[in-house]
Amino acid sequence: MAKSVGIIGASGWLGEHLTTALLERGRPVVGFSRRARENQDLEWRQWDGEGVIDLSGVGAVVNLAGESIDQRWNQKRKKEFYRSRISLTENLVNSISASEVKVLLNSSAVGIYGDREEVLLSEGSKPGKGYLAELCVAWEKAAMIAEDAGIRVCCLRTGVVLGRGGGAWEKIRKVFRFGLGGKLGDGRQWMPWIHLDDEIGGIIHCLDHELSGPINLVSPYPVRNEELTLMMSRAMARPAILPVPRFALKLVFGEFAEEGLLASQRVDPAVLKKDRYQFKYNHIDQALADLTT
């Protein structure tokens, strides 16, 4: 009997879509969640990120856990960012090392590159500076320790995932629906994005192919914030005339504004392209046409 794919965070938005896609492909799935759940299509096991996790019958693990970063940061939230990423991954790797798991796909983020203005960033690019970059470096370091036990490890450096029901897309859509859309700051910052279908497709591609190390899960064609604003305005037939000044973003979101909303990251999915992954949505206009119809 084929071993299952264990998904940490299977009850989340992305986890639910990945679970569905794997089950449709006939792949058995074990979902891990902090709370007990019932689902006839898969087995659920409880795990809160602490201590040992039951990985019996699991051959590969996809770790999608991590407290949402798109909020105003404070010391309490930073502790939770660390616990839900680094501490959880450390505990997971300890259990994996004593199990029959052969593959670990661990979440990361393009935030590892920091604010790099016009530099084209591939998986071989050095990490940037700032809190978010340092958090991602520690996160990936915790995951890569699994290699010492002979595990194939991929660190999934994800950009902004655009899909119905997802936090990023629903926030953007709501703002434009009410005619309040506008570029952020000067709008010149590069935004690495990916359509939900390619996020799921890319993860499954990493499961099925012998890839390892950092993987940029982003579209081959990042867009500047001002371009996204214009495209959204056209797709939704709504005005986009209310730019949000840098100072206002920093006032509301603090550090996250500088390192998240205003940081420029021109990220290239070099590894996936070299491995001939076929993106379903290469360009932002294709993605928006799908999401607004």
Protein backbone atom coordinates (compact mmCIF):
# COMPACT_ATOMS: atom_id res chain seq x y z
CA MET A 1 0.00 0.00 0.00
CA ALA A 2 1.32 3.45 -0.97
CA LYS A 3 2.43 5.60 1.91
CA SER A 4 0.43 8.74 2.64
CA VAL A 5 1.34 12.37 2.20
CA GLY A 6 1.13 14.08 5.58
CA ILE A 7 -0.01 17.70 5.45
CA ILE A 8 0.68 19.93 8.42
CA GLY A 9 -1.99 22.63 8.30
CA ALA A 10 -4.35 20.57 6.16
CA SER A 11 -7.36 22.42 7.58
CA GLY A 12 -6.13 25.79 6.31
CA TRP A 13 -7.07 27.38 3.00
CA LEU A 14 -3.99 26.21 1.13
CA GLY A 15 -3.95 22.86 2.92
CA GLU A 16 -7.54 22.11 1.93
CA HIS A 17 -6.79 22.80 -1.75
CA LEU A 18 -3.63 20.68 -1.67
CA THR A 19 -5.49 17.84 0.05
CA THR A 20 -8.24 17.91 -2.58
CA ALA A 21 -5.72 17.91 -5.44
CA LEU A 22 -3.80 14.95 -4.02
CA LEU A 23 -6.94 12.91 -3.33
CA GLU A 24 -8.14 13.57 -6.88
CA ARG A 25 -4.85 12.06 -8.06
CA GLY A 26 -5.45 8.96 -5.95
CA ARG A 27 -2.80 9.89 -3.35
CA PRO A 28 -3.66 8.94 0.26
CA VAL A 29 -3.43 11.90 2.65
CA VAL A 30 -3.08 12.22 6.41
CA GLY A 31 -4.16 15.64 7.67
CA PHE A 32 -2.62 17.13 10.80
CA SER A 33 -4.45 19.80 12.77
CA ARG A 34 -4.41 21.30 16.26
CA ARG A 35 -8.04 20.23 16.74
CA ALA A 36 -9.71 16.87 16.16
CA ARG A 37 -11.50 16.75 12.81
CA GLU A 38 -13.63 14.29 10.87
CA ASN A 39 -13.43 13.69 7.14
CA GLN A 40 -14.32 10.47 5.39
CA ASP A 41 -11.83 11.14 2.59
CA LEU A 42 -8.70 11.20 4.75
CA GLU A 43 -7.33 10.36 8.14
CA TRP A 44 -6.93 13.20 10.65
CA ARG A 45 -4.40 13.27 13.45
CA GLN A 46 -3.99 15.91 16.13
CA TRP A 47 -0.72 17.78 16.55
CA ASP A 48 -0.21 21.24 18.02
CA GLY A 49 3.40 21.65 16.90
CA GLU A 50 4.84 20.54 20.22
CA GLY A 51 6.60 17.28 21.00
CA VAL A 52 6.38 14.13 18.88
CA ILE A 53 4.11 13.83 15.86
CA ASP A 54 2.68 10.45 14.76
CA LEU A 55 4.09 9.86 11.25
CA SER A 56 3.29 6.15 10.97
CA GLY A 57 2.38 5.23 7.39
CA VAL A 58 3.54 8.62 6.07
CA GLY A 59 6.16 8.75 3.31
CA ALA A 60 6.26 12.48 2.59
CA VAL A 61 5.37 15.56 4.64
CA VAL A 62 4.25 18.98 3.42
CA ASN A 63 4.48 21.54 6.21
CA LEU A 64 2.22 24.52 5.54
CA ALA A 65 2.03 25.76 9.14
CA GLY A 66 2.84 29.33 10.14
CA GLU A 67 1.03 32.22 11.83
CA SER A 68 -0.12 34.79 9.26
CA ILE A 69 2.55 37.45 8.80
CA ASP A 70 0.38 40.11 7.12
CA GLN A 71 -0.57 42.04 10.24
CA ARG A 72 0.99 44.68 12.45
CA TRP A 73 3.96 43.13 14.24
CA ASN A 74 4.64 43.36 17.96
CA GLN A 75 6.77 41.31 20.33
CA LYS A 76 3.93 38.90 21.18
CA ARG A 77 3.21 38.21 17.53
CA LYS A 78 6.90 37.83 16.71
CA LYS A 79 7.14 35.12 19.33
CA GLU A 80 4.21 33.34 17.66
CA PHE A 81 5.80 33.77 14.21
CA TYR A 82 8.90 32.04 15.60
CA ARG A 83 7.02 29.31 17.47
CA SER A 84 4.74 28.43 14.54
CA ARG A 85 7.64 28.33 12.09
CA ILE A 86 11.02 27.52 13.58
CA SER A 87 10.03 25.72 16.79
CA LEU A 88 7.34 23.69 15.03
CA THR A 89 9.72 22.76 12.20
CA GLU A 90 12.40 21.70 14.69
CA ASN A 91 9.91 19.41 16.44
CA LEU A 92 8.71 18.06 13.10
CA VAL A 93 12.25 17.30 11.90
CA ASN A 94 13.03 15.47 15.14
CA SER A 95 10.06 13.18 14.52
CA ILE A 96 10.83 12.77 10.81
CA SER A 97 14.39 11.67 11.58
CA ALA A 98 13.00 8.72 13.56
CA SER A 99 10.33 7.80 10.98
CA GLU A 100 10.05 6.30 7.49
CA VAL A 101 9.44 9.70 5.88
CA LYS A 102 11.70 10.28 2.86
CA VAL A 103 10.58 13.75 1.70
CA LEU A 104 9.91 17.05 3.49
CA LEU A 105 8.47 20.06 1.70
CA ASN A 106 8.65 22.91 4.19
CA SER A 107 7.07 26.33 3.77
CA SER A 108 9.25 29.40 3.47
CA ALA A 109 8.68 32.78 1.83
CA VAL A 110 10.17 35.22 -0.67
CA GLY A 111 10.62 37.48 2.36
CA ILE A 112 14.00 35.77 2.72
CA TYR A 113 15.32 38.07 -0.03
CA GLY A 114 14.49 41.31 1.78
CA ASP A 115 14.03 44.56 -0.16
CA ARG A 116 16.23 44.20 -3.25
CA GLU A 117 14.82 46.86 -5.60
CA GLU A 118 15.60 45.85 -9.23
CA VAL A 119 17.81 42.79 -8.61
CA LEU A 120 16.59 39.61 -10.31
CA LEU A 121 16.47 36.99 -7.55
CA SER A 122 16.86 33.25 -8.09
CA GLU A 123 17.21 30.44 -5.58
CA GLY A 124 20.96 31.02 -5.57
CA SER A 125 20.66 34.64 -4.45
CA LYS A 126 21.85 35.52 -0.97
CA PRO A 127 19.30 36.30 1.77
CA GLY A 128 18.48 39.94 2.36
CA LYS A 129 18.36 42.00 5.53
CA GLY A 130 15.63 42.66 8.06
CA TYR A 131 13.46 40.76 10.51
CA LEU A 132 11.49 38.82 7.90
CA ALA A 133 14.61 37.69 6.04
CA GLU A 134 16.21 36.53 9.29
CA LEU A 135 13.03 34.66 10.26
CA CYS A 136 13.00 32.81 6.92
CA VAL A 137 16.71 31.96 7.16
CA ALA A 138 16.15 30.36 10.58
CA TRP A 139 13.04 28.58 9.26
CA GLU A 140 14.89 27.03 6.33
CA LYS A 141 17.87 26.12 8.49
CA ALA A 142 15.55 24.20 10.83
CA ALA A 143 14.07 22.28 7.87
CA MET A 144 17.38 21.49 6.16
CA ILE A 145 18.65 19.65 9.26
CA ALA A 146 16.45 16.76 8.05
CA GLU A 147 18.98 16.18 5.28
CA ASP A 148 21.33 14.74 7.92
CA ALA A 149 18.87 11.82 8.22
CA GLY A 150 18.83 11.26 4.45
CA ILE A 151 15.57 13.17 3.85
CA ARG A 152 15.03 15.07 0.60
CA VAL A 153 14.11 18.60 1.65
CA CYS A 154 12.56 21.45 -0.34
CA CYS A 155 12.05 24.92 1.14
CA LEU A 156 9.04 26.45 -0.63
CA ARG A 157 9.70 30.18 -0.99
CA THR A 158 6.18 31.31 -1.75
CA GLY A 159 5.09 34.70 -3.03
CA VAL A 160 1.62 36.25 -2.78
CA VAL A 161 -0.85 33.45 -3.56
CA LEU A 162 -3.87 34.67 -5.53
CA GLY A 163 -6.95 32.47 -5.31
CA ARG A 164 -10.62 32.68 -4.39
CA GLY A 165 -11.09 32.50 -0.65
CA GLY A 166 -7.46 33.28 0.07
CA GLY A 167 -6.59 36.13 2.39
CA ALA A 168 -4.47 38.13 -0.07
CA TRP A 169 -6.92 37.92 -2.97
CA GLU A 170 -10.03 38.64 -0.90
CA LYS A 171 -8.43 41.74 0.65
CA ILE A 172 -7.37 43.07 -2.76
CA ARG A 173 -10.74 42.28 -4.35
CA LYS A 174 -12.71 43.94 -1.57
CA VAL A 175 -10.69 47.15 -1.76
CA PHE A 176 -11.18 47.44 -5.53
CA ARG A 177 -14.84 46.43 -5.41
CA PHE A 178 -15.56 49.52 -3.33
CA GLY A 179 -13.53 51.75 -5.63
CA LEU A 180 -10.77 52.27 -3.07
CA GLY A 181 -7.93 50.67 -5.02
CA GLY A 182 -4.60 52.42 -5.50
CA LYS A 183 -0.90 51.78 -5.63
CA LEU A 184 1.05 51.33 -2.41
CA GLY A 185 3.72 53.97 -1.90
CA ASP A 186 5.25 54.88 -5.26
CA GLY A 187 4.07 51.55 -6.69
CA ARG A 188 7.46 50.73 -8.18
CA GLN A 189 8.14 47.74 -5.93
CA TRP A 190 8.15 44.31 -7.57
CA MET A 191 5.53 41.89 -6.29
CA PRO A 192 6.20 38.15 -6.68
CA TRP A 193 2.81 36.47 -7.08
CA ILE A 194 1.46 33.03 -8.00
CA HIS A 195 -2.01 31.74 -8.89
CA LEU A 196 -3.42 29.18 -6.46
CA ASP A 197 -3.50 26.51 -9.19
CA ASP A 198 0.25 26.92 -9.78
CA GLU A 199 0.99 27.02 -6.06
CA ILE A 200 -0.68 23.61 -5.73
CA GLY A 201 0.79 22.38 -9.01
CA GLY A 202 4.27 23.50 -7.99
CA ILE A 203 4.05 21.74 -4.62
CA ILE A 204 2.94 18.49 -6.24
CA HIS A 205 5.71 18.86 -8.83
CA CYS A 206 8.23 19.07 -5.98
CA LEU A 207 6.71 15.98 -4.38
CA ASP A 208 6.97 13.98 -7.59
CA HIS A 209 10.39 15.14 -8.82
CA GLU A 210 13.84 14.87 -7.28
CA LEU A 211 14.17 18.54 -6.42
CA SER A 212 15.77 19.76 -3.22
CA GLY A 213 16.85 22.96 -1.50
CA PRO A 214 15.10 26.30 -1.99
CA ILE A 215 12.29 26.49 -4.56
CA ASN A 216 10.78 29.82 -5.61
CA LEU A 217 7.02 29.27 -5.87
CA VAL A 218 6.19 32.36 -7.90
CA SER A 219 5.06 33.20 -11.43
CA PRO A 220 7.84 33.65 -14.00
CA TYR A 221 6.60 37.21 -14.47
CA PRO A 222 6.44 39.31 -11.28
CA VAL A 223 4.67 42.66 -11.55
CA ARG A 224 5.23 46.06 -10.06
CA ASN A 225 2.57 47.14 -7.59
CA GLU A 226 1.45 49.94 -9.89
CA GLU A 227 0.94 47.41 -12.72
CA LEU A 228 -1.14 45.15 -10.50
CA THR A 229 -3.22 48.17 -9.52
CA LEU A 230 -3.87 49.07 -13.16
CA MET A 231 -4.71 45.48 -14.12
CA MET A 232 -7.08 45.09 -11.17
CA SER A 233 -8.81 48.34 -12.10
CA ARG A 234 -9.39 47.07 -15.63
CA ALA A 235 -10.42 43.56 -14.61
CA MET A 236 -12.99 44.80 -12.09
CA ALA A 237 -14.03 47.92 -14.00
CA ARG A 238 -13.38 50.04 -10.94
CA PRO A 239 -11.30 53.20 -10.50
CA ALA A 240 -7.87 53.05 -8.89
CA ILE A 241 -7.18 56.65 -8.01
CA LEU A 242 -6.41 56.49 -4.30
CA PRO A 243 -2.70 55.80 -3.82
CA VAL A 244 -1.73 54.95 -0.26
CA PRO A 245 1.30 57.00 0.90
CA ARG A 246 4.26 55.23 2.45
CA PHE A 247 3.85 57.08 5.77
CA ALA A 248 0.21 55.97 6.05
CA LEU A 249 1.12 52.32 5.48
CA LYS A 250 3.87 52.52 8.10
CA LEU A 251 1.49 54.19 10.52
CA VAL A 252 -1.06 51.38 10.18
CA PHE A 253 1.15 48.33 9.65
CA GLY A 254 4.47 49.33 11.23
CA GLU A 255 7.38 47.04 10.31
CA PHE A 256 5.22 44.87 8.07
CA ALA A 257 4.61 47.83 5.76
CA GLU A 258 8.33 48.33 5.15
CA GLU A 259 9.33 44.67 4.88
CA GLY A 260 6.15 43.30 3.33
CA LEU A 261 3.95 45.76 1.46
CA LEU A 262 6.69 48.09 0.24
CA ALA A 263 9.61 45.69 -0.21
CA SER A 264 10.65 45.07 -3.82
CA GLN A 265 11.36 41.43 -4.71
CA ARG A 266 11.85 40.58 -8.37
CA VAL A 267 11.85 36.81 -7.88
CA ASP A 268 12.40 34.22 -10.61
CA PRO A 269 11.29 30.55 -10.30
CA ALA A 270 14.55 29.36 -11.85
CA VAL A 271 14.45 25.82 -10.42
CA LEU A 272 10.89 25.09 -11.55
CA LYS A 273 11.58 26.50 -15.00
CA LYS A 274 14.73 24.40 -15.37
CA ASP A 275 12.74 21.32 -14.31
CA ARG A 276 10.15 22.19 -16.99
CA TYR A 277 7.20 22.84 -14.72
CA GLN A 278 4.44 24.21 -16.94
CA PHE A 279 2.80 27.22 -15.32
CA LYS A 280 -0.92 27.48 -15.94
CA TYR A 281 -0.90 31.23 -15.29
CA ASN A 282 2.29 32.95 -16.39
CA HIS A 283 1.00 36.51 -16.58
CA ILE A 284 -1.01 38.56 -14.11
CA ASP A 285 -3.71 39.42 -16.67
CA GLN A 286 -4.38 35.68 -17.16
CA ALA A 287 -4.70 35.15 -13.42
CA LEU A 288 -6.99 38.15 -12.93
CA ALA A 289 -9.19 37.10 -15.84
CA ASP A 290 -9.70 33.74 -14.15
CA LEU A 291 -10.32 35.21 -10.69
CA THR A 292 -12.74 37.95 -11.74
CA THR A 293 -15.03 35.90 -13.98
